[in-house]
Amino acid sequence: MKKLLLVLAALLVAACAHAPAQSAKEAGAKTERNFSPAHVKEVIVKGKTTQKEILAKIGTPNSVKRRSLGVTTGPAEVWNYWTAPPLNDVAKGGLQPVTSLAVVFDDNGVVQDYAAADSSVLIQ
């Protein structure tokens, strides 16, 4: 039952994280998204890297959280990236690798902070 619920949750997350359509040129130019901590450390410079650069080097985020209307403090946007184990691996169970990245932007679209992590989940 737990596996079924995990698979259903993964499908729900995948359905909600639909990326915008890309032209054939863009799709051909993109490689697999890489937001491992080592790659992110090379790509992101706090106070310098822009949203446009993040999109070009890492890709479209899985989710975006924007500051509420009328609020003038705190981050303007937070972009979240994550991986999930393939469904075949979920069905097998065991320890599965996952990677996550959160990028915090200011009002000008420049990185204020970020956090990247490689971890794993135990699927029973």
PDB file of N, CA and C in Angstrom:
ATOM      1  N   MET A   1       0.820  -1.190   0.000  1.00  0.00           N
ATOM      2  CA  MET A   1       0.000   0.000   0.000  1.00  0.00           C
ATOM      3  C   MET A   1       0.868   1.260   0.000  1.00  0.00           C
ATOM      4  N   LYS A   2       1.967   1.236   0.787  1.00  0.00           N
ATOM      5  CA  LYS A   2       2.847   2.398   0.847  1.00  0.00           C
ATOM      6  C   LYS A   2       3.459   2.678  -0.521  1.00  0.00           C
ATOM      7  N   LYS A   3       3.848   1.589  -1.223  1.00  0.00           N
ATOM      8  CA  LYS A   3       4.438   1.767  -2.558  1.00  0.00           C
ATOM      9  C   LYS A   3       3.432   2.409  -3.511  1.00  0.00           C
ATOM     10  N   LEU A   4       2.200   1.944  -3.446  1.00  0.00           N
ATOM     11  CA  LEU A   4       1.159   2.490  -4.303  1.00  0.00           C
ATOM     12  C   LEU A   4       0.950   3.975  -4.026  1.00  0.00           C
ATOM     13  N   LEU A   5       0.898   4.340  -2.749  1.00  0.00           N
ATOM     14  CA  LEU A   5       0.733   5.754  -2.395  1.00  0.00           C
ATOM     15  C   LEU A   5       1.922   6.581  -2.859  1.00  0.00           C
ATOM     16  N   LEU A   6       3.142   6.034  -2.730  1.00  0.00           N
ATOM     17  CA  LEU A   6       4.334   6.753  -3.177  1.00  0.00           C
ATOM     18  C   LEU A   6       4.320   6.938  -4.690  1.00  0.00           C
ATOM     19  N   VAL A   7       3.925   5.903  -5.415  1.00  0.00           N
ATOM     20  CA  VAL A   7       3.844   6.001  -6.879  1.00  0.00           C
ATOM     21  C   VAL A   7       2.799   7.035  -7.273  1.00  0.00           C
ATOM     22  N   LEU A   8       1.647   7.011  -6.623  1.00  0.00           N
ATOM     23  CA  LEU A   8       0.608   7.994  -6.929  1.00  0.00           C
ATOM     24  C   LEU A   8       1.073   9.419  -6.614  1.00  0.00           C
ATOM     25  N   ALA A   9       1.794   9.593  -5.502  1.00  0.00           N
ATOM     26  CA  ALA A   9       2.318  10.912  -5.152  1.00  0.00           C
ATOM     27  C   ALA A   9       3.330  11.375  -6.192  1.00  0.00           C
ATOM     28  N   ALA A  10       4.191  10.454  -6.647  1.00  0.00           N
ATOM     29  CA  ALA A  10       5.182  10.805  -7.667  1.00  0.00           C
ATOM     30  C   ALA A  10       4.499  11.211  -8.967  1.00  0.00           C
ATOM     31  N   LEU A  11       3.441  10.507  -9.335  1.00  0.00           N
ATOM     32  CA  LEU A  11       2.700  10.866 -10.551  1.00  0.00           C
ATOM     33  C   LEU A  11       2.034  12.226 -10.415  1.00  0.00           C
ATOM     34  N   LEU A  12       1.500  12.503  -9.238  1.00  0.00           N
ATOM     35  CA  LEU A  12       0.866  13.802  -8.998  1.00  0.00           C
ATOM     36  C   LEU A  12       1.886  14.926  -9.098  1.00  0.00           C
ATOM     37  N   VAL A  13       3.042  14.738  -8.491  1.00  0.00           N
ATOM     38  CA  VAL A  13       4.098  15.750  -8.555  1.00  0.00           C
ATOM     39  C   VAL A  13       4.547  15.943  -9.999  1.00  0.00           C
ATOM     40  N   ALA A  14       4.712  14.843 -10.727  1.00  0.00           N
ATOM     41  CA  ALA A  14       5.140  14.940 -12.124  1.00  0.00           C
ATOM     42  C   ALA A  14       4.100  15.678 -12.959  1.00  0.00           C
ATOM     43  N   ALA A  15       2.836  15.435 -12.705  1.00  0.00           N
ATOM     44  CA  ALA A  15       1.781  16.109 -13.465  1.00  0.00           C
ATOM     45  C   ALA A  15       1.731  17.599 -13.154  1.00  0.00           C
ATOM     46  N   CYS A  16       2.009  17.967 -11.913  1.00  0.00           N
ATOM     47  CA  CYS A  16       1.983  19.381 -11.523  1.00  0.00           C
ATOM     48  C   CYS A  16       3.224  20.137 -11.982  1.00  0.00           C
ATOM     49  N   ALA A  17       4.272  19.432 -12.286  1.00  0.00           N
ATOM     50  CA  ALA A  17       5.543  20.068 -12.624  1.00  0.00           C
ATOM     51  C   ALA A  17       5.751  20.114 -14.129  1.00  0.00           C
ATOM     52  N   HIS A  18       4.692  20.306 -14.879  1.00  0.00           N
ATOM     53  CA  HIS A  18       4.773  20.344 -16.337  1.00  0.00           C
ATOM     54  C   HIS A  18       5.591  21.548 -16.794  1.00  0.00           C
ATOM     55  N   ALA A  19       6.618  21.287 -17.581  1.00  0.00           N
ATOM     56  CA  ALA A  19       7.474  22.355 -18.102  1.00  0.00           C
ATOM     57  C   ALA A  19       6.834  22.954 -19.345  1.00  0.00           C
ATOM     58  N   PRO A  20       7.103  24.241 -19.631  1.00  0.00           N
ATOM     59  CA  PRO A  20       6.551  24.856 -20.833  1.00  0.00           C
ATOM     60  C   PRO A  20       7.100  24.202 -22.089  1.00  0.00           C
ATOM     61  N   ALA A  21       6.312  24.268 -23.150  1.00  0.00           N
ATOM     62  CA  ALA A  21       6.738  23.679 -24.414  1.00  0.00           C
ATOM     63  C   ALA A  21       7.996  24.378 -24.927  1.00  0.00           C
ATOM     64  N   GLN A  22       8.868  23.602 -25.572  1.00  0.00           N
ATOM     65  CA  GLN A  22      10.110  24.145 -26.104  1.00  0.00           C
ATOM     66  C   GLN A  22      10.116  23.981 -27.616  1.00  0.00           C
ATOM     67  N   SER A  23      10.825  24.870 -28.277  1.00  0.00           N
ATOM     68  CA  SER A  23      10.991  24.717 -29.713  1.00  0.00           C
ATOM     69  C   SER A  23      11.943  23.559 -29.961  1.00  0.00           C
ATOM     70  N   ALA A  24      11.960  23.035 -31.169  1.00  0.00           N
ATOM     71  CA  ALA A  24      12.849  21.921 -31.503  1.00  0.00           C
ATOM     72  C   ALA A  24      14.306  22.308 -31.282  1.00  0.00           C
ATOM     73  N   LYS A  25      14.643  23.576 -31.572  1.00  0.00           N
ATOM     74  CA  LYS A  25      16.012  24.053 -31.384  1.00  0.00           C
ATOM     75  C   LYS A  25      16.395  24.009 -29.900  1.00  0.00           C
ATOM     76  N   GLU A  26      15.513  24.495 -29.032  1.00  0.00           N
ATOM     77  CA  GLU A  26      15.785  24.495 -27.591  1.00  0.00           C
ATOM     78  C   GLU A  26      15.880  23.075 -27.054  1.00  0.00           C
ATOM     79  N   ALA A  27      14.965  22.215 -27.481  1.00  0.00           N
ATOM     80  CA  ALA A  27      14.952  20.841 -26.986  1.00  0.00           C
ATOM     81  C   ALA A  27      16.220  20.104 -27.390  1.00  0.00           C
ATOM     82  N   GLY A  28      16.704  20.354 -28.602  1.00  0.00           N
ATOM     83  CA  GLY A  28      17.924  19.697 -29.070  1.00  0.00           C
ATOM     84  C   GLY A  28      19.158  20.206 -28.358  1.00  0.00           C
ATOM     85  N   ALA A  29      19.146  21.475 -27.951  1.00  0.00           N
ATOM     86  CA  ALA A  29      20.317  22.081 -27.327  1.00  0.00           C
ATOM     87  C   ALA A  29      20.439  21.702 -25.858  1.00  0.00           C
ATOM     88  N   LYS A  30      19.332  21.331 -25.229  1.00  0.00           N
ATOM     89  CA  LYS A  30      19.371  21.022 -23.793  1.00  0.00           C
ATOM     90  C   LYS A  30      19.853  19.610 -23.553  1.00  0.00           C
ATOM     91  N   THR A  31      20.643  19.451 -22.518  1.00  0.00           N
ATOM     92  CA  THR A  31      21.054  18.134 -22.075  1.00  0.00           C
ATOM     93  C   THR A  31      20.288  17.832 -20.790  1.00  0.00           C
ATOM     94  N   GLU A  32      20.592  16.709 -20.186  1.00  0.00           N
ATOM     95  CA  GLU A  32      19.920  16.356 -18.937  1.00  0.00           C
ATOM     96  C   GLU A  32      20.188  17.411 -17.887  1.00  0.00           C
ATOM     97  N   ARG A  33      19.157  17.777 -17.135  1.00  0.00           N
ATOM     98  CA  ARG A  33      19.313  18.793 -16.096  1.00  0.00           C
ATOM     99  C   ARG A  33      20.273  18.301 -15.028  1.00  0.00           C
ATOM    100  N   ASN A  34      21.154  19.199 -14.602  1.00  0.00           N
ATOM    101  CA  ASN A  34      22.117  18.851 -13.568  1.00  0.00           C
ATOM    102  C   ASN A  34      22.055  19.909 -12.487  1.00  0.00           C
ATOM    103  N   PHE A  35      21.563  19.536 -11.323  1.00  0.00           N
ATOM    104  CA  PHE A  35      21.564  20.460 -10.196  1.00  0.00           C
ATOM    105  C   PHE A  35      22.141  19.786  -8.965  1.00  0.00           C
ATOM    106  N   SER A  36      23.167  18.965  -9.210  1.00  0.00           N
ATOM    107  CA  SER A  36      23.888  18.362  -8.094  1.00  0.00           C
ATOM    108  C   SER A  36      24.648  19.473  -7.364  1.00  0.00           C
ATOM    109  N   PRO A  37      24.939  19.293  -6.082  1.00  0.00           N
ATOM    110  CA  PRO A  37      25.650  20.335  -5.327  1.00  0.00           C
ATOM    111  C   PRO A  37      26.971  20.756  -5.971  1.00  0.00           C
ATOM    112  N   ALA A  38      27.725  19.809  -6.535  1.00  0.00           N
ATOM    113  CA  ALA A  38      29.006  20.152  -7.161  1.00  0.00           C
ATOM    114  C   ALA A  38      28.804  21.044  -8.384  1.00  0.00           C
ATOM    115  N   HIS A  39      27.830  20.720  -9.226  1.00  0.00           N
ATOM    116  CA  HIS A  39      27.569  21.524 -10.421  1.00  0.00           C
ATOM    117  C   HIS A  39      27.031  22.905 -10.045  1.00  0.00           C
ATOM    118  N   VAL A  40      26.108  22.928  -9.088  1.00  0.00           N
ATOM    119  CA  VAL A  40      25.501  24.184  -8.660  1.00  0.00           C
ATOM    120  C   VAL A  40      26.561  25.140  -8.119  1.00  0.00           C
ATOM    121  N   LYS A  41      27.523  24.612  -7.379  1.00  0.00           N
ATOM    122  CA  LYS A  41      28.592  25.439  -6.816  1.00  0.00           C
ATOM    123  C   LYS A  41      29.407  26.124  -7.922  1.00  0.00           C
ATOM    124  N   GLU A  42      29.554  25.444  -9.063  1.00  0.00           N
ATOM    125  CA  GLU A  42      30.278  26.016 -10.204  1.00  0.00           C
ATOM    126  C   GLU A  42      29.445  27.040 -10.959  1.00  0.00           C
ATOM    127  N   VAL A  43      28.128  26.871 -10.963  1.00  0.00           N
ATOM    128  CA  VAL A  43      27.227  27.661 -11.801  1.00  0.00           C
ATOM    129  C   VAL A  43      26.687  28.909 -11.107  1.00  0.00           C
ATOM    130  N   ILE A  44      26.398  28.817  -9.804  1.00  0.00           N
ATOM    131  CA  ILE A  44      25.713  29.912  -9.105  1.00  0.00           C
ATOM    132  C   ILE A  44      26.685  30.717  -8.257  1.00  0.00           C
ATOM    133  N   VAL A  45      26.625  32.038  -8.434  1.00  0.00           N
ATOM    134  CA  VAL A  45      27.386  32.975  -7.600  1.00  0.00           C
ATOM    135  C   VAL A  45      26.367  33.901  -6.934  1.00  0.00           C
ATOM    136  N   LYS A  46      26.294  33.832  -5.604  1.00  0.00           N
ATOM    137  CA  LYS A  46      25.356  34.676  -4.868  1.00  0.00           C
ATOM    138  C   LYS A  46      25.620  36.146  -5.174  1.00  0.00           C
ATOM    139  N   GLY A  47      24.537  36.890  -5.423  1.00  0.00           N
ATOM    140  CA  GLY A  47      24.650  38.314  -5.707  1.00  0.00           C
ATOM    141  C   GLY A  47      25.018  38.629  -7.141  1.00  0.00           C
ATOM    142  N   LYS A  48      25.203  37.609  -7.985  1.00  0.00           N
ATOM    143  CA  LYS A  48      25.625  37.849  -9.367  1.00  0.00           C
ATOM    144  C   LYS A  48      24.789  37.087 -10.400  1.00  0.00           C
ATOM    145  N   THR A  49      24.556  35.796 -10.173  1.00  0.00           N
ATOM    146  CA  THR A  49      23.863  34.972 -11.149  1.00  0.00           C
ATOM    147  C   THR A  49      22.387  35.379 -11.248  1.00  0.00           C
ATOM    148  N   THR A  50      21.870  35.457 -12.483  1.00  0.00           N
ATOM    149  CA  THR A  50      20.491  35.898 -12.725  1.00  0.00           C
ATOM    150  C   THR A  50      19.574  34.714 -13.024  1.00  0.00           C
ATOM    151  N   GLN A  51      18.281  34.982 -13.008  1.00  0.00           N
ATOM    152  CA  GLN A  51      17.293  33.956 -13.338  1.00  0.00           C
ATOM    153  C   GLN A  51      17.524  33.414 -14.747  1.00  0.00           C
ATOM    154  N   LYS A  52      17.827  34.301 -15.673  1.00  0.00           N
ATOM    155  CA  LYS A  52      18.058  33.885 -17.060  1.00  0.00           C
ATOM    156  C   LYS A  52      19.239  32.912 -17.143  1.00  0.00           C
ATOM    157  N   GLU A  53      20.293  33.193 -16.388  1.00  0.00           N
ATOM    158  CA  GLU A  53      21.464  32.308 -16.386  1.00  0.00           C
ATOM    159  C   GLU A  53      21.118  30.954 -15.755  1.00  0.00           C
ATOM    160  N   ILE A  54      20.316  30.967 -14.697  1.00  0.00           N
ATOM    161  CA  ILE A  54      19.895  29.716 -14.059  1.00  0.00           C
ATOM    162  C   ILE A  54      19.093  28.875 -15.053  1.00  0.00           C
ATOM    163  N   LEU A  55      18.165  29.504 -15.767  1.00  0.00           N
ATOM    164  CA  LEU A  55      17.380  28.771 -16.760  1.00  0.00           C
ATOM    165  C   LEU A  55      18.276  28.151 -17.827  1.00  0.00           C
ATOM    166  N   ALA A  56      19.276  28.899 -18.273  1.00  0.00           N
ATOM    167  CA  ALA A  56      20.164  28.402 -19.319  1.00  0.00           C
ATOM    168  C   ALA A  56      21.068  27.273 -18.828  1.00  0.00           C
ATOM    169  N   LYS A  57      21.528  27.360 -17.600  1.00  0.00           N
ATOM    170  CA  LYS A  57      22.515  26.395 -17.102  1.00  0.00           C
ATOM    171  C   LYS A  57      21.914  25.219 -16.342  1.00  0.00           C
ATOM    172  N   ILE A  58      20.752  25.405 -15.746  1.00  0.00           N
ATOM    173  CA  ILE A  58      20.155  24.345 -14.940  1.00  0.00           C
ATOM    174  C   ILE A  58      18.816  23.890 -15.516  1.00  0.00           C
ATOM    175  N   GLY A  59      18.048  24.817 -16.061  1.00  0.00           N
ATOM    176  CA  GLY A  59      16.768  24.460 -16.657  1.00  0.00           C
ATOM    177  C   GLY A  59      15.588  25.018 -15.883  1.00  0.00           C
ATOM    178  N   THR A  60      14.414  24.650 -16.320  1.00  0.00           N
ATOM    179  CA  THR A  60      13.168  25.114 -15.728  1.00  0.00           C
ATOM    180  C   THR A  60      12.958  24.459 -14.362  1.00  0.00           C
ATOM    181  N   PRO A  61      12.586  25.240 -13.349  1.00  0.00           N
ATOM    182  CA  PRO A  61      12.373  24.659 -12.017  1.00  0.00           C
ATOM    183  C   PRO A  61      11.121  23.782 -11.968  1.00  0.00           C
ATOM    184  N   ASN A  62      11.093  22.876 -10.995  1.00  0.00           N
ATOM    185  CA  ASN A  62       9.905  22.050 -10.776  1.00  0.00           C
ATOM    186  C   ASN A  62       8.779  22.881 -10.177  1.00  0.00           C
ATOM    187  N   SER A  63       9.133  23.862  -9.338  1.00  0.00           N
ATOM    188  CA  SER A  63       8.112  24.737  -8.758  1.00  0.00           C
ATOM    189  C   SER A  63       8.699  26.124  -8.533  1.00  0.00           C
ATOM    190  N   VAL A  64       7.822  27.118  -8.536  1.00  0.00           N
ATOM    191  CA  VAL A  64       8.201  28.514  -8.289  1.00  0.00           C
ATOM    192  C   VAL A  64       7.254  29.080  -7.244  1.00  0.00           C
ATOM    193  N   LYS A  65       7.820  29.685  -6.209  1.00  0.00           N
ATOM    194  CA  LYS A  65       7.007  30.351  -5.189  1.00  0.00           C
ATOM    195  C   LYS A  65       7.321  31.842  -5.251  1.00  0.00           C
ATOM    196  N   ARG A  66       6.287  32.651  -5.478  1.00  0.00           N
ATOM    197  CA  ARG A  66       6.448  34.100  -5.548  1.00  0.00           C
ATOM    198  C   ARG A  66       5.952  34.745  -4.257  1.00  0.00           C
ATOM    199  N   ARG A  67       6.553  35.880  -3.934  1.00  0.00           N
ATOM    200  CA  ARG A  67       6.136  36.638  -2.747  1.00  0.00           C
ATOM    201  C   ARG A  67       4.684  37.094  -2.927  1.00  0.00           C
ATOM    202  N   SER A  68       3.938  37.090  -1.862  1.00  0.00           N
ATOM    203  CA  SER A  68       2.533  37.501  -1.901  1.00  0.00           C
ATOM    204  C   SER A  68       2.407  38.967  -2.291  1.00  0.00           C
ATOM    205  N   LEU A  69       1.300  39.312  -2.946  1.00  0.00           N
ATOM    206  CA  LEU A  69       1.038  40.696  -3.315  1.00  0.00           C
ATOM    207  C   LEU A  69       0.955  41.558  -2.063  1.00  0.00           C
ATOM    208  N   GLY A  70       1.525  42.728  -2.130  1.00  0.00           N
ATOM    209  CA  GLY A  70       1.493  43.656  -1.017  1.00  0.00           C
ATOM    210  C   GLY A  70       2.624  43.470  -0.016  1.00  0.00           C
ATOM    211  N   VAL A  71       3.338  42.358  -0.111  1.00  0.00           N
ATOM    212  CA  VAL A  71       4.471  42.110   0.783  1.00  0.00           C
ATOM    213  C   VAL A  71       5.727  42.655   0.107  1.00  0.00           C
ATOM    214  N   THR A  72       6.504  43.447   0.824  1.00  0.00           N
ATOM    215  CA  THR A  72       7.683  44.081   0.219  1.00  0.00           C
ATOM    216  C   THR A  72       9.003  43.560   0.765  1.00  0.00           C
ATOM    217  N   THR A  73       8.945  42.633   1.714  1.00  0.00           N
ATOM    218  CA  THR A  73      10.183  42.107   2.273  1.00  0.00           C
ATOM    219  C   THR A  73      10.288  40.613   1.986  1.00  0.00           C
ATOM    220  N   GLY A  74      11.488  40.104   2.138  1.00  0.00           N
ATOM    221  CA  GLY A  74      11.723  38.686   1.886  1.00  0.00           C
ATOM    222  C   GLY A  74      12.026  38.421   0.432  1.00  0.00           C
ATOM    223  N   PRO A  75      12.290  37.173   0.112  1.00  0.00           N
ATOM    224  CA  PRO A  75      12.655  36.841  -1.266  1.00  0.00           C
ATOM    225  C   PRO A  75      11.507  37.098  -2.235  1.00  0.00           C
ATOM    226  N   ALA A  76      11.846  37.579  -3.433  1.00  0.00           N
ATOM    227  CA  ALA A  76      10.838  37.815  -4.458  1.00  0.00           C
ATOM    228  C   ALA A  76      10.337  36.490  -5.015  1.00  0.00           C
ATOM    229  N   GLU A  77      11.270  35.541  -5.245  1.00  0.00           N
ATOM    230  CA  GLU A  77      10.907  34.221  -5.760  1.00  0.00           C
ATOM    231  C   GLU A  77      11.843  33.173  -5.180  1.00  0.00           C
ATOM    232  N   VAL A  78      11.316  31.961  -5.077  1.00  0.00           N
ATOM    233  CA  VAL A  78      12.129  30.803  -4.722  1.00  0.00           C
ATOM    234  C   VAL A  78      11.837  29.734  -5.759  1.00  0.00           C
ATOM    235  N   TRP A  79      12.899  29.276  -6.446  1.00  0.00           N
ATOM    236  CA  TRP A  79      12.771  28.212  -7.435  1.00  0.00           C
ATOM    237  C   TRP A  79      13.236  26.919  -6.792  1.00  0.00           C
ATOM    238  N   ASN A  80      12.449  25.866  -6.950  1.00  0.00           N
ATOM    239  CA  ASN A  80      12.790  24.563  -6.392  1.00  0.00           C
ATOM    240  C   ASN A  80      12.955  23.528  -7.501  1.00  0.00           C
ATOM    241  N   TYR A  81      14.007  22.757  -7.373  1.00  0.00           N
ATOM    242  CA  TYR A  81      14.302  21.653  -8.283  1.00  0.00           C
ATOM    243  C   TYR A  81      14.427  20.388  -7.441  1.00  0.00           C
ATOM    244  N   TRP A  82      14.036  19.252  -8.002  1.00  0.00           N
ATOM    245  CA  TRP A  82      14.251  17.980  -7.314  1.00  0.00           C
ATOM    246  C   TRP A  82      14.200  16.844  -8.322  1.00  0.00           C
ATOM    247  N   THR A  83      14.791  15.744  -7.922  1.00  0.00           N
ATOM    248  CA  THR A  83      14.687  14.521  -8.704  1.00  0.00           C
ATOM    249  C   THR A  83      13.868  13.528  -7.896  1.00  0.00           C
ATOM    250  N   ALA A  84      13.309  12.581  -8.585  1.00  0.00           N
ATOM    251  CA  ALA A  84      12.603  11.481  -7.940  1.00  0.00           C
ATOM    252  C   ALA A  84      13.101  10.197  -8.592  1.00  0.00           C
ATOM    253  N   PRO A  85      13.165   9.117  -7.856  1.00  0.00           N
ATOM    254  CA  PRO A  85      13.609   7.862  -8.458  1.00  0.00           C
ATOM    255  C   PRO A  85      12.651   7.435  -9.568  1.00  0.00           C
ATOM    256  N   PRO A  86      13.173   6.782 -10.605  1.00  0.00           N
ATOM    257  CA  PRO A  86      12.290   6.261 -11.656  1.00  0.00           C
ATOM    258  C   PRO A  86      11.272   5.287 -11.055  1.00  0.00           C
ATOM    259  N   LEU A  87      10.103   5.211 -11.660  1.00  0.00           N
ATOM    260  CA  LEU A  87       9.041   4.364 -11.125  1.00  0.00           C
ATOM    261  C   LEU A  87       9.471   2.905 -11.016  1.00  0.00           C
ATOM    262  N   ASN A  88      10.308   2.428 -11.944  1.00  0.00           N
ATOM    263  CA  ASN A  88      10.799   1.054 -11.859  1.00  0.00           C
ATOM    264  C   ASN A  88      11.584   0.845 -10.563  1.00  0.00           C
ATOM    265  N   ASP A  89      12.396   1.836 -10.179  1.00  0.00           N
ATOM    266  CA  ASP A  89      13.181   1.731  -8.953  1.00  0.00           C
ATOM    267  C   ASP A  89      12.296   1.858  -7.717  1.00  0.00           C
ATOM    268  N   VAL A  90      11.238   2.671  -7.814  1.00  0.00           N
ATOM    269  CA  VAL A  90      10.301   2.802  -6.698  1.00  0.00           C
ATOM    270  C   VAL A  90       9.641   1.449  -6.440  1.00  0.00           C
ATOM    271  N   ALA A  91       9.273   0.771  -7.519  1.00  0.00           N
ATOM    272  CA  ALA A  91       8.620  -0.533  -7.375  1.00  0.00           C
ATOM    273  C   ALA A  91       9.550  -1.555  -6.719  1.00  0.00           C
ATOM    274  N   LYS A  92      10.857  -1.453  -6.975  1.00  0.00           N
ATOM    275  CA  LYS A  92      11.836  -2.371  -6.381  1.00  0.00           C
ATOM    276  C   LYS A  92      12.032  -2.081  -4.897  1.00  0.00           C
ATOM    277  N   GLY A  93      11.864  -0.821  -4.506  1.00  0.00           N
ATOM    278  CA  GLY A  93      12.083  -0.425  -3.120  1.00  0.00           C
ATOM    279  C   GLY A  93      13.560  -0.245  -2.826  1.00  0.00           C
ATOM    280  N   GLY A  94      13.876  -0.108  -1.552  1.00  0.00           N
ATOM    281  CA  GLY A  94      15.266   0.068  -1.138  1.00  0.00           C
ATOM    282  C   GLY A  94      15.669   1.530  -1.103  1.00  0.00           C
ATOM    283  N   LEU A  95      16.949   1.761  -0.943  1.00  0.00           N
ATOM    284  CA  LEU A  95      17.507   3.105  -0.851  1.00  0.00           C
ATOM    285  C   LEU A  95      17.658   3.694  -2.252  1.00  0.00           C
ATOM    286  N   GLN A  96      17.048   4.850  -2.508  1.00  0.00           N
ATOM    287  CA  GLN A  96      17.061   5.480  -3.826  1.00  0.00           C
ATOM    288  C   GLN A  96      17.604   6.900  -3.719  1.00  0.00           C
ATOM    289  N   PRO A  97      18.488   7.303  -4.663  1.00  0.00           N
ATOM    290  CA  PRO A  97      19.071   8.650  -4.613  1.00  0.00           C
ATOM    291  C   PRO A  97      18.093   9.728  -5.058  1.00  0.00           C
ATOM    292  N   VAL A  98      18.165  10.881  -4.407  1.00  0.00           N
ATOM    293  CA  VAL A  98      17.399  12.065  -4.797  1.00  0.00           C
ATOM    294  C   VAL A  98      18.305  13.288  -4.659  1.00  0.00           C
ATOM    295  N   THR A  99      18.043  14.295  -5.462  1.00  0.00           N
ATOM    296  CA  THR A  99      18.799  15.546  -5.423  1.00  0.00           C
ATOM    297  C   THR A  99      17.808  16.692  -5.347  1.00  0.00           C
ATOM    298  N   SER A 100      18.131  17.736  -4.582  1.00  0.00           N
ATOM    299  CA  SER A 100      17.235  18.888  -4.479  1.00  0.00           C
ATOM    300  C   SER A 100      18.042  20.183  -4.538  1.00  0.00           C
ATOM    301  N   LEU A 101      17.382  21.231  -4.990  1.00  0.00           N
ATOM    302  CA  LEU A 101      17.986  22.559  -5.079  1.00  0.00           C
ATOM    303  C   LEU A 101      16.901  23.595  -4.857  1.00  0.00           C
ATOM    304  N   ALA A 102      17.177  24.576  -4.012  1.00  0.00           N
ATOM    305  CA  ALA A 102      16.298  25.731  -3.816  1.00  0.00           C
ATOM    306  C   ALA A 102      17.116  26.980  -4.093  1.00  0.00           C
ATOM    307  N   VAL A 103      16.614  27.845  -4.971  1.00  0.00           N
ATOM    308  CA  VAL A 103      17.313  29.079  -5.333  1.00  0.00           C
ATOM    309  C   VAL A 103      16.422  30.261  -4.960  1.00  0.00           C
ATOM    310  N   VAL A 104      16.965  31.192  -4.166  1.00  0.00           N
ATOM    311  CA  VAL A 104      16.228  32.361  -3.688  1.00  0.00           C
ATOM    312  C   VAL A 104      16.682  33.582  -4.490  1.00  0.00           C
ATOM    313  N   PHE A 105      15.706  34.307  -5.067  1.00  0.00           N
ATOM    314  CA  PHE A 105      16.002  35.489  -5.887  1.00  0.00           C
ATOM    315  C   PHE A 105      15.496  36.756  -5.218  1.00  0.00           C
ATOM    316  N   ASP A 106      16.200  37.863  -5.486  1.00  0.00           N
ATOM    317  CA  ASP A 106      15.760  39.170  -4.994  1.00  0.00           C
ATOM    318  C   ASP A 106      14.813  39.804  -6.011  1.00  0.00           C
ATOM    319  N   ASP A 107      14.426  41.054  -5.775  1.00  0.00           N
ATOM    320  CA  ASP A 107      13.485  41.755  -6.664  1.00  0.00           C
ATOM    321  C   ASP A 107      14.035  41.982  -8.065  1.00  0.00           C
ATOM    322  N   ASN A 108      15.346  41.949  -8.233  1.00  0.00           N
ATOM    323  CA  ASN A 108      15.961  42.165  -9.544  1.00  0.00           C
ATOM    324  C   ASN A 108      16.227  40.861 -10.278  1.00  0.00           C
ATOM    325  N   GLY A 109      15.818  39.727  -9.713  1.00  0.00           N
ATOM    326  CA  GLY A 109      16.033  38.441 -10.371  1.00  0.00           C
ATOM    327  C   GLY A 109      17.449  37.924 -10.223  1.00  0.00           C
ATOM    328  N   VAL A 110      18.142  38.358  -9.167  1.00  0.00           N
ATOM    329  CA  VAL A 110      19.522  37.926  -8.905  1.00  0.00           C
ATOM    330  C   VAL A 110      19.505  36.991  -7.696  1.00  0.00           C
ATOM    331  N   VAL A 111      20.364  35.965  -7.742  1.00  0.00           N
ATOM    332  CA  VAL A 111      20.406  34.976  -6.666  1.00  0.00           C
ATOM    333  C   VAL A 111      20.847  35.621  -5.358  1.00  0.00           C
ATOM    334  N   GLN A 112      20.026  35.465  -4.322  1.00  0.00           N
ATOM    335  CA  GLN A 112      20.384  35.893  -2.968  1.00  0.00           C
ATOM    336  C   GLN A 112      21.056  34.744  -2.230  1.00  0.00           C
ATOM    337  N   ASP A 113      20.494  33.540  -2.402  1.00  0.00           N
ATOM    338  CA  ASP A 113      20.985  32.371  -1.678  1.00  0.00           C
ATOM    339  C   ASP A 113      20.529  31.123  -2.418  1.00  0.00           C
ATOM    340  N   TYR A 114      21.148  29.999  -2.080  1.00  0.00           N
ATOM    341  CA  TYR A 114      20.713  28.719  -2.629  1.00  0.00           C
ATOM    342  C   TYR A 114      21.142  27.600  -1.693  1.00  0.00           C
ATOM    343  N   ALA A 115      20.478  26.463  -1.841  1.00  0.00           N
ATOM    344  CA  ALA A 115      20.823  25.273  -1.057  1.00  0.00           C
ATOM    345  C   ALA A 115      20.618  24.059  -1.954  1.00  0.00           C
ATOM    346  N   ALA A 116      21.673  23.247  -2.095  1.00  0.00           N
ATOM    347  CA  ALA A 116      21.615  22.036  -2.903  1.00  0.00           C
ATOM    348  C   ALA A 116      22.027  20.856  -2.045  1.00  0.00           C
ATOM    349  N   ALA A 117      21.397  19.704  -2.295  1.00  0.00           N
ATOM    350  CA  ALA A 117      21.717  18.527  -1.494  1.00  0.00           C
ATOM    351  C   ALA A 117      21.501  17.244  -2.280  1.00  0.00           C
ATOM    352  N   ASP A 118      22.430  16.307  -2.117  1.00  0.00           N
ATOM    353  CA  ASP A 118      22.255  14.933  -2.585  1.00  0.00           C
ATOM    354  C   ASP A 118      21.855  14.129  -1.363  1.00  0.00           C
ATOM    355  N   SER A 119      20.818  13.347  -1.489  1.00  0.00           N
ATOM    356  CA  SER A 119      20.409  12.503  -0.364  1.00  0.00           C
ATOM    357  C   SER A 119      19.772  11.241  -0.930  1.00  0.00           C
ATOM    358  N   SER A 120      19.128  10.490  -0.105  1.00  0.00           N
ATOM    359  CA  SER A 120      18.453   9.293  -0.548  1.00  0.00           C
ATOM    360  C   SER A 120      17.223   9.062   0.304  1.00  0.00           C
ATOM    361  N   VAL A 121      16.294   8.292  -0.253  1.00  0.00           N
ATOM    362  CA  VAL A 121      15.077   7.938   0.450  1.00  0.00           C
ATOM    363  C   VAL A 121      14.975   6.416   0.495  1.00  0.00           C
ATOM    364  N   LEU A 122      14.447   5.919   1.581  1.00  0.00           N
ATOM    365  CA  LEU A 122      14.244   4.490   1.730  1.00  0.00           C
ATOM    366  C   LEU A 122      12.805   4.175   1.358  1.00  0.00           C
ATOM    367  N   ILE A 123      12.645   3.381   0.305  1.00  0.00           N
ATOM    368  CA  ILE A 123      11.309   3.012  -0.156  1.00  0.00           C
ATOM    369  C   ILE A 123      11.070   1.556   0.266  1.00  0.00           C
ATOM    370  N   GLN A 124      10.022   1.365   1.035  1.00  0.00           N
ATOM    371  CA  GLN A 124       9.716   0.015   1.535  1.00  0.00           C
ATOM    372  C   GLN A 124       8.489  -0.552   0.889  1.00  0.00           C
TER     373      GLN A 124
END
